[in-house]
Amino acid sequence: MHPEQIKAAMRMAGTTPAMLCDELGVAASSVSQAISGHIKSQRIQGRIAQIIGKPISEIWPNQITLRRSRAQIEAQRARAAV
């Protein structure tokens, strides 16, 4: 789906990207980049899919979803900080 179609579907479902930011506690840029497909956040994309009632694969076809756990991400950040 085109990013504008995703945002329109969200509005039709009664929410906005700004409301999603507040709900998930993430920056507006994160939601915007997830909508446009520039980042692959399973949490953000999953919630958008739930809101508009379509599977992630239909909204963002041919996109591999991030599959690392939160623990793996934190461990990687800790190694990078050293």
Protein backbone atom coordinates (compact mmCIF):
# COMPACT_ATOMS: atom_id res chain seq x y z
CA MET A 1 0.00 0.00 0.00
CA HIS A 2 1.09 3.54 -0.59
CA PRO A 3 1.89 5.46 2.63
CA GLU A 4 -0.99 7.87 2.01
CA GLN A 5 -3.38 4.91 1.69
CA ILE A 6 -2.11 3.55 5.01
CA LYS A 7 -2.63 6.90 6.75
CA ALA A 8 -6.10 7.25 5.20
CA ALA A 9 -7.05 3.74 6.35
CA MET A 10 -5.84 4.59 9.86
CA ARG A 11 -7.92 7.78 9.90
CA MET A 12 -10.97 5.86 8.65
CA ALA A 13 -10.45 3.43 11.54
CA GLY A 14 -10.49 6.35 13.98
CA THR A 15 -6.81 6.87 14.72
CA THR A 16 -3.92 8.95 13.40
CA PRO A 17 -0.17 8.45 13.24
CA ALA A 18 0.18 10.94 16.11
CA MET A 19 -2.22 8.91 18.25
CA LEU A 20 -0.22 5.78 17.45
CA CYS A 21 2.98 7.53 18.58
CA ASP A 22 1.39 8.31 21.93
CA GLU A 23 -0.02 4.79 22.29
CA LEU A 24 3.30 3.05 21.57
CA GLY A 25 5.54 5.66 23.18
CA VAL A 26 7.66 6.15 20.06
CA ALA A 27 8.79 9.18 18.08
CA ALA A 28 6.67 10.49 15.23
CA SER A 29 9.57 9.85 12.87
CA SER A 30 9.54 6.15 13.79
CA VAL A 31 5.87 5.80 12.88
CA SER A 32 6.36 7.82 9.70
CA GLN A 33 9.30 5.69 8.61
CA ALA A 34 7.41 2.49 9.40
CA ILE A 35 4.42 3.67 7.36
CA SER A 36 6.68 4.52 4.42
CA GLY A 37 8.50 1.18 4.74
CA HIS A 38 11.92 2.70 5.47
CA ILE A 39 12.20 0.87 8.77
CA LYS A 40 10.82 -2.55 9.62
CA SER A 41 9.49 -2.33 13.15
CA GLN A 42 7.39 -5.40 13.84
CA ARG A 43 5.75 -3.67 16.80
CA ILE A 44 4.71 -0.53 14.89
CA GLN A 45 3.75 -2.33 11.69
CA GLY A 46 1.85 -4.97 13.66
CA ARG A 47 -0.22 -2.34 15.43
CA ILE A 48 -0.94 -0.51 12.15
CA ALA A 49 -2.04 -3.80 10.59
CA GLN A 50 -4.30 -4.45 13.57
CA ILE A 51 -5.81 -0.94 13.34
CA ILE A 52 -6.64 -1.15 9.64
CA GLY A 53 -7.52 -4.84 9.67
CA LYS A 54 -5.08 -6.08 7.05
CA PRO A 55 -2.09 -8.41 7.31
CA ILE A 56 1.40 -6.89 7.34
CA SER A 57 2.23 -8.78 4.14
CA GLU A 58 -0.61 -7.01 2.33
CA ILE A 59 0.29 -3.55 3.60
CA TRP A 60 4.05 -3.89 3.00
CA PRO A 61 4.46 -6.66 0.40
CA ASN A 62 7.91 -8.16 -0.17
CA GLN A 63 9.25 -6.81 3.10
CA ILE A 64 11.14 -8.88 5.63
CA THR A 65 10.09 -8.08 9.19
CA LEU A 66 12.59 -7.51 11.98
CA ARG A 67 12.85 -10.77 13.92
CA ARG A 68 15.30 -9.93 16.70
CA SER A 69 14.06 -10.03 20.27
CA ARG A 70 14.27 -7.04 22.57
CA ALA A 71 17.03 -8.84 24.52
CA GLN A 72 19.07 -9.33 21.34
CA ILE A 73 18.73 -5.66 20.46
CA GLU A 74 19.80 -4.55 23.94
CA ALA A 75 22.78 -6.94 23.88
CA GLN A 76 23.86 -5.56 20.52
CA ARG A 77 23.58 -1.98 21.82
CA ALA A 78 25.63 -2.90 24.90
CA ARG A 79 28.40 -4.40 22.72
CA ALA A 80 28.43 -1.31 20.51
CA ALA A 81 28.76 1.01 23.52
CA VAL A 82 31.97 -0.68 24.68
